[in-house]
N, C-alpha and C. Protein backbone atom coordinates (compact mmCIF):
# COMPACT_ATOMS: atom_id res chain seq x y z
N UNK A 1 116.36 86.73 72.78
CA UNK A 1 115.11 86.79 73.52
C UNK A 1 114.81 85.45 74.20
N UNK A 2 115.08 84.35 73.55
CA UNK A 2 114.78 83.03 74.11
C UNK A 2 115.63 82.75 75.36
N UNK A 3 116.94 83.05 75.37
CA UNK A 3 117.71 82.82 76.61
C UNK A 3 117.20 83.64 77.78
N UNK A 4 116.76 84.86 77.51
CA UNK A 4 116.21 85.69 78.59
C UNK A 4 114.94 85.06 79.16
N UNK A 5 114.10 84.55 78.29
CA UNK A 5 112.87 83.89 78.77
C UNK A 5 113.20 82.62 79.55
N UNK A 6 114.20 81.87 79.11
CA UNK A 6 114.59 80.67 79.83
C UNK A 6 115.14 80.99 81.21
N UNK A 7 115.92 82.05 81.31
CA UNK A 7 116.45 82.46 82.62
C UNK A 7 115.32 82.92 83.53
N UNK A 8 114.40 83.70 83.00
CA UNK A 8 113.26 84.13 83.82
C UNK A 8 112.41 82.94 84.27
N UNK A 9 112.22 81.97 83.38
CA UNK A 9 111.47 80.78 83.75
C UNK A 9 112.19 79.99 84.84
N UNK A 10 113.51 79.87 84.73
CA UNK A 10 114.29 79.18 85.75
C UNK A 10 114.19 79.88 87.10
N UNK A 11 114.25 81.21 87.08
CA UNK A 11 114.13 81.98 88.33
C UNK A 11 112.76 81.76 88.96
N UNK A 12 111.71 81.77 88.15
CA UNK A 12 110.36 81.54 88.68
C UNK A 12 110.22 80.14 89.27
N UNK A 13 110.80 79.15 88.60
CA UNK A 13 110.71 77.76 89.11
C UNK A 13 111.46 77.64 90.44
N UNK A 14 112.66 78.22 90.50
CA UNK A 14 113.44 78.13 91.74
C UNK A 14 112.77 78.90 92.88
N UNK A 15 112.19 80.06 92.58
CA UNK A 15 111.49 80.81 93.62
C UNK A 15 110.27 80.04 94.11
N UNK A 16 109.54 79.42 93.19
CA UNK A 16 108.36 78.64 93.57
C UNK A 16 108.73 77.44 94.42
N UNK A 17 109.83 76.76 94.07
CA UNK A 17 110.27 75.61 94.85
C UNK A 17 110.73 76.04 96.24
N UNK A 18 111.45 77.14 96.31
CA UNK A 18 111.89 77.64 97.62
C UNK A 18 110.73 78.02 98.51
N UNK A 19 109.72 78.65 97.92
CA UNK A 19 108.54 79.04 98.69
C UNK A 19 107.78 77.81 99.17
N UNK A 20 107.66 76.80 98.31
CA UNK A 20 106.95 75.57 98.70
C UNK A 20 107.72 74.85 99.80
N UNK A 21 109.05 74.82 99.71
CA UNK A 21 109.84 74.15 100.74
C UNK A 21 109.71 74.86 102.07
N UNK A 22 109.63 76.19 102.04
CA UNK A 22 109.46 76.94 103.30
C UNK A 22 108.12 76.61 103.94
N UNK A 23 107.08 76.52 103.14
CA UNK A 23 105.76 76.17 103.68
C UNK A 23 105.77 74.74 104.23
N UNK A 24 106.45 73.83 103.52
CA UNK A 24 106.51 72.44 104.00
C UNK A 24 107.26 72.34 105.32
N UNK A 25 108.31 73.16 105.50
CA UNK A 25 109.02 73.16 106.78
C UNK A 25 108.10 73.62 107.90
N UNK A 26 107.28 74.65 107.66
CA UNK A 26 106.36 75.12 108.70
C UNK A 26 105.29 74.07 109.01
N UNK A 27 104.81 73.38 107.97
CA UNK A 27 103.82 72.31 108.20
C UNK A 27 104.44 71.18 109.01
N UNK A 28 105.68 70.80 108.68
CA UNK A 28 106.35 69.74 109.43
C UNK A 28 106.57 70.15 110.88
N UNK A 29 106.90 71.41 111.11
CA UNK A 29 107.08 71.89 112.48
C UNK A 29 105.77 71.85 113.26
N UNK A 30 104.66 72.24 112.63
CA UNK A 30 103.36 72.21 113.29
C UNK A 30 102.95 70.77 113.62
N UNK A 31 103.20 69.83 112.71
CA UNK A 31 102.87 68.42 112.97
C UNK A 31 103.72 67.88 114.11
N UNK A 32 104.99 68.25 114.15
CA UNK A 32 105.85 67.81 115.24
C UNK A 32 105.36 68.34 116.59
N UNK A 33 104.96 69.60 116.63
CA UNK A 33 104.45 70.17 117.89
C UNK A 33 103.17 69.46 118.31
N UNK A 34 102.27 69.21 117.37
CA UNK A 34 101.03 68.50 117.71
C UNK A 34 101.32 67.08 118.20
N UNK A 35 102.28 66.42 117.59
CA UNK A 35 102.63 65.07 118.02
C UNK A 35 103.22 65.08 119.42
N UNK A 36 104.07 66.06 119.71
CA UNK A 36 104.66 66.15 121.05
C UNK A 36 103.61 66.48 122.10
N UNK A 37 102.68 67.37 121.78
CA UNK A 37 101.61 67.70 122.73
C UNK A 37 100.75 66.47 122.98
N UNK A 38 100.43 65.73 121.92
CA UNK A 38 99.64 64.50 122.09
C UNK A 38 100.40 63.44 122.86
N UNK A 39 101.70 63.38 122.71
CA UNK A 39 102.50 62.41 123.44
C UNK A 39 102.53 62.74 124.93
N UNK A 40 102.61 64.03 125.26
CA UNK A 40 102.66 64.45 126.67
C UNK A 40 101.27 64.37 127.30
N UNK A 41 100.24 64.72 126.55
CA UNK A 41 98.89 64.81 127.12
C UNK A 41 98.06 63.56 126.88
N UNK A 42 98.71 62.41 126.74
CA UNK A 42 97.93 61.20 126.46
C UNK A 42 97.20 60.74 127.72
N UNK A 43 96.11 60.03 127.55
CA UNK A 43 95.35 59.54 128.71
C UNK A 43 96.18 58.53 129.50
N UNK A 44 96.00 58.55 130.80
CA UNK A 44 96.79 57.67 131.68
C UNK A 44 96.28 56.23 131.65
N UNK A 45 94.99 56.03 131.47
CA UNK A 45 94.43 54.69 131.57
C UNK A 45 94.46 53.90 130.29
N UNK A 46 94.93 54.49 129.19
CA UNK A 46 94.88 53.76 127.92
C UNK A 46 96.18 53.00 127.70
N UNK A 47 96.28 52.45 126.52
CA UNK A 47 97.44 51.62 126.21
C UNK A 47 98.69 52.45 125.90
N UNK A 48 98.56 53.74 125.93
CA UNK A 48 99.72 54.58 125.68
C UNK A 48 99.67 55.32 124.36
N UNK A 49 98.77 54.92 123.49
CA UNK A 49 98.65 55.61 122.21
C UNK A 49 97.47 56.54 122.25
N UNK A 50 97.66 57.77 121.82
CA UNK A 50 96.56 58.73 121.78
C UNK A 50 95.96 58.83 120.40
N UNK A 51 96.58 58.17 119.41
CA UNK A 51 96.02 58.17 118.07
C UNK A 51 95.39 56.82 117.81
N UNK A 52 94.54 56.74 116.82
CA UNK A 52 93.76 55.54 116.59
C UNK A 52 94.46 54.53 115.70
N UNK A 53 95.36 54.95 114.83
CA UNK A 53 96.00 54.03 113.91
C UNK A 53 97.27 53.58 114.50
C-alpha cells in the first residue's frame, strides 16, 4: 500500500510542476509581448525608455 501511495504522490507532484511550468511559459510570453509593444510604441521625445526604472 505504501509504494502505491508514493507513486500516486509522485504523479501528483510531477503533474503540478508541469502545470505550473505551462502557466509560467504563458506569463513569460505575455510579458515579452508587452515589452515589445512598449519598445515599439515608446514616445519619440523622451530618452528612449518607456518604463520608469
